[in-house]
Amino acid sequence: MAFNIDKIFESMESFSKISTKKEYEDRMNMFLSERYGELKELIEAEDTAAASKIFCDGVHEGFKRFGKVRIGDLMYLNYFLIYYIFPAILKNEGERATEICDTLKDTWNKRFKCTINYTDYASLRKGFQSRILGIPVGDDE
């Protein structure tokens, strides 16, 4: 079991820099159509803990420099998980979604010594607001 980490996290910096609902919606649709299939082994795994460990170890191996993942890279990796991977799993995997996300979150936090959490797509999307001169205006629906 191996994950195509380069494909999953391709352009993660630009995917993490979003400011509007429309931009987030477009990037999520792109993630779902082009990259979500790369998570198949995690989603379909009978042993979610083992698959999560392999995924996290693969991410560490793919992004480490001198034995560690740089803080800047880790920040973007965390954003990417929170904005795309967790919401996509919650949106598509039905009753197993929470189990998969909980296991992946716990494994990720232990592997990278962080404390990220997850939420669903609708909640994240709702958080984006249009602003004029820093003042929220209207609803982007």
Protein backbone atom coordinates (compact mmCIF):
# COMPACT_ATOMS: atom_id res chain seq x y z
CA MET A 1 0.00 0.00 0.00
CA ALA A 2 1.46 3.31 -1.08
CA PHE A 3 -0.07 6.70 -1.69
CA ASN A 4 0.80 9.10 -4.49
CA ILE A 5 1.68 11.89 -2.05
CA ASP A 6 3.03 14.17 -4.79
CA LYS A 7 -0.27 14.01 -6.67
CA ILE A 8 -2.46 14.43 -3.57
CA PHE A 9 -0.58 17.48 -2.26
CA GLU A 10 0.34 19.02 -5.62
CA SER A 11 0.17 22.86 -5.43
CA MET A 12 -0.85 22.66 -1.77
CA GLU A 13 0.28 26.25 -1.11
CA SER A 14 -2.09 27.74 -3.67
CA PHE A 15 -4.89 25.38 -2.61
CA SER A 16 -4.50 26.63 0.96
CA LYS A 17 -4.66 30.32 0.04
CA ILE A 18 -8.36 30.81 -0.59
CA SER A 19 -10.52 33.78 0.26
CA THR A 20 -13.99 33.28 -1.24
CA LYS A 21 -16.69 30.65 -1.19
CA LYS A 22 -16.54 30.32 -4.97
CA GLU A 23 -12.78 29.81 -4.94
CA TYR A 24 -13.09 27.15 -2.24
CA GLU A 25 -15.93 25.42 -4.09
CA ASP A 26 -13.93 25.35 -7.34
CA ARG A 27 -10.82 23.97 -5.68
CA MET A 28 -12.77 21.36 -3.75
CA ASN A 29 -14.41 20.20 -7.00
CA MET A 30 -10.97 20.00 -8.61
CA PHE A 31 -9.64 18.04 -5.64
CA LEU A 32 -12.57 15.62 -5.77
CA SER A 33 -12.30 15.02 -9.50
CA GLU A 34 -8.50 14.85 -9.83
CA ARG A 35 -7.11 13.67 -6.49
CA TYR A 36 -9.72 12.07 -4.26
CA GLY A 37 -9.22 8.72 -5.99
CA GLU A 38 -5.64 8.70 -4.67
CA LEU A 39 -7.08 8.19 -1.17
CA LYS A 40 -8.87 4.97 -2.16
CA GLU A 41 -6.59 2.72 -0.12
CA LEU A 42 -7.20 4.80 3.01
CA ILE A 43 -10.95 4.98 2.50
CA GLU A 44 -11.42 1.31 1.65
CA ALA A 45 -8.95 -0.07 4.19
CA GLU A 46 -10.20 -2.59 6.69
CA ASP A 47 -7.45 -1.47 9.07
CA THR A 48 -7.87 2.30 8.99
CA ALA A 49 -5.16 2.80 11.62
CA ALA A 50 -2.53 0.99 9.54
CA ALA A 51 -3.57 2.83 6.36
CA SER A 52 -3.46 6.17 8.20
CA LYS A 53 0.02 5.41 9.49
CA ILE A 54 1.24 4.53 6.00
CA PHE A 55 -0.31 7.74 4.65
CA CYS A 56 1.25 9.94 7.36
CA ASP A 57 4.63 8.24 7.01
CA GLY A 58 4.44 8.80 3.25
CA VAL A 59 3.71 12.49 3.77
CA HIS A 60 6.61 12.77 6.20
CA GLU A 61 8.93 11.01 3.77
CA GLY A 62 7.78 13.19 0.88
CA PHE A 63 8.20 16.52 2.65
CA LYS A 64 11.05 16.01 5.10
CA ARG A 65 14.24 18.01 4.88
CA PHE A 66 17.14 16.95 7.08
CA GLY A 67 14.89 14.46 8.89
CA LYS A 68 12.00 16.85 9.67
CA VAL A 69 9.13 18.51 7.86
CA ARG A 70 9.72 22.27 7.86
CA ILE A 71 7.23 24.36 9.85
CA GLY A 72 6.09 26.25 6.74
CA ASP A 73 5.44 23.02 4.84
CA LEU A 74 3.66 21.51 7.82
CA MET A 75 1.37 24.53 8.02
CA TYR A 76 0.31 24.06 4.37
CA LEU A 77 -0.03 20.30 4.85
CA ASN A 78 -2.32 20.91 7.85
CA TYR A 79 -4.42 23.41 5.89
CA PHE A 80 -4.71 20.97 3.00
CA LEU A 81 -5.96 18.20 5.27
CA ILE A 82 -8.44 20.52 6.99
CA TYR A 83 -9.72 22.22 3.81
CA TYR A 84 -9.82 19.28 1.41
CA ILE A 85 -9.04 15.77 2.65
CA PHE A 86 -11.24 15.68 5.77
CA PRO A 87 -14.24 17.48 4.18
CA ALA A 88 -14.02 15.26 1.08
CA ILE A 89 -14.05 12.11 3.22
CA LEU A 90 -16.96 13.44 5.31
CA LYS A 91 -18.86 14.38 2.15
CA ASN A 92 -18.38 11.05 0.36
CA GLU A 93 -17.93 8.20 2.79
CA GLY A 94 -21.22 7.99 4.68
CA GLU A 95 -21.26 6.29 8.05
CA ARG A 96 -17.55 5.31 8.01
CA ALA A 97 -16.45 8.91 7.41
CA THR A 98 -16.14 9.92 11.06
CA GLU A 99 -14.16 6.79 11.93
CA ILE A 100 -11.76 7.39 9.03
CA CYS A 101 -11.33 11.08 9.88
CA ASP A 102 -10.85 10.45 13.61
CA THR A 103 -8.21 7.81 12.95
CA LEU A 104 -6.40 9.92 10.37
CA LYS A 105 -6.53 13.02 12.61
CA ASP A 106 -5.13 11.14 15.61
CA THR A 107 -2.40 9.49 13.55
CA TRP A 108 -1.50 12.82 11.89
CA ASN A 109 -1.35 14.69 15.20
CA LYS A 110 0.87 12.03 16.74
CA ARG A 111 3.17 11.77 13.69
CA PHE A 112 3.61 15.52 13.20
CA LYS A 113 3.20 16.63 16.82
CA CYS A 114 0.31 19.01 16.11
CA THR A 115 -3.29 19.40 17.20
CA ILE A 116 -5.38 19.77 14.07
CA ASN A 117 -9.06 18.92 13.97
CA TYR A 118 -11.56 18.63 11.15
CA THR A 119 -14.94 19.91 10.04
CA ASP A 120 -17.26 19.36 7.12
CA TYR A 121 -17.35 21.10 3.75
CA ALA A 122 -20.53 23.11 4.40
CA SER A 123 -19.20 24.56 7.67
CA LEU A 124 -15.92 25.58 6.07
CA ARG A 125 -17.63 27.08 3.04
CA LYS A 126 -20.02 29.04 5.24
CA GLY A 127 -17.04 30.65 7.01
CA PHE A 128 -15.93 32.59 3.93
CA GLN A 129 -17.35 36.12 3.75
CA SER A 130 -16.97 38.88 1.20
CA ARG A 131 -15.32 41.99 2.61
CA ILE A 132 -14.98 45.57 1.51
CA LEU A 133 -12.27 47.50 3.35
CA GLY A 134 -12.20 44.67 5.88
CA ILE A 135 -15.93 44.87 6.65
CA PRO A 136 -18.01 41.75 5.97
CA VAL A 137 -20.79 42.42 3.44
CA GLY A 138 -23.72 40.29 2.32
CA ASP A 139 -23.78 36.57 1.78
CA ASP A 140 -21.90 34.99 -1.12
CA GLU A 141 -24.58 32.42 -1.85
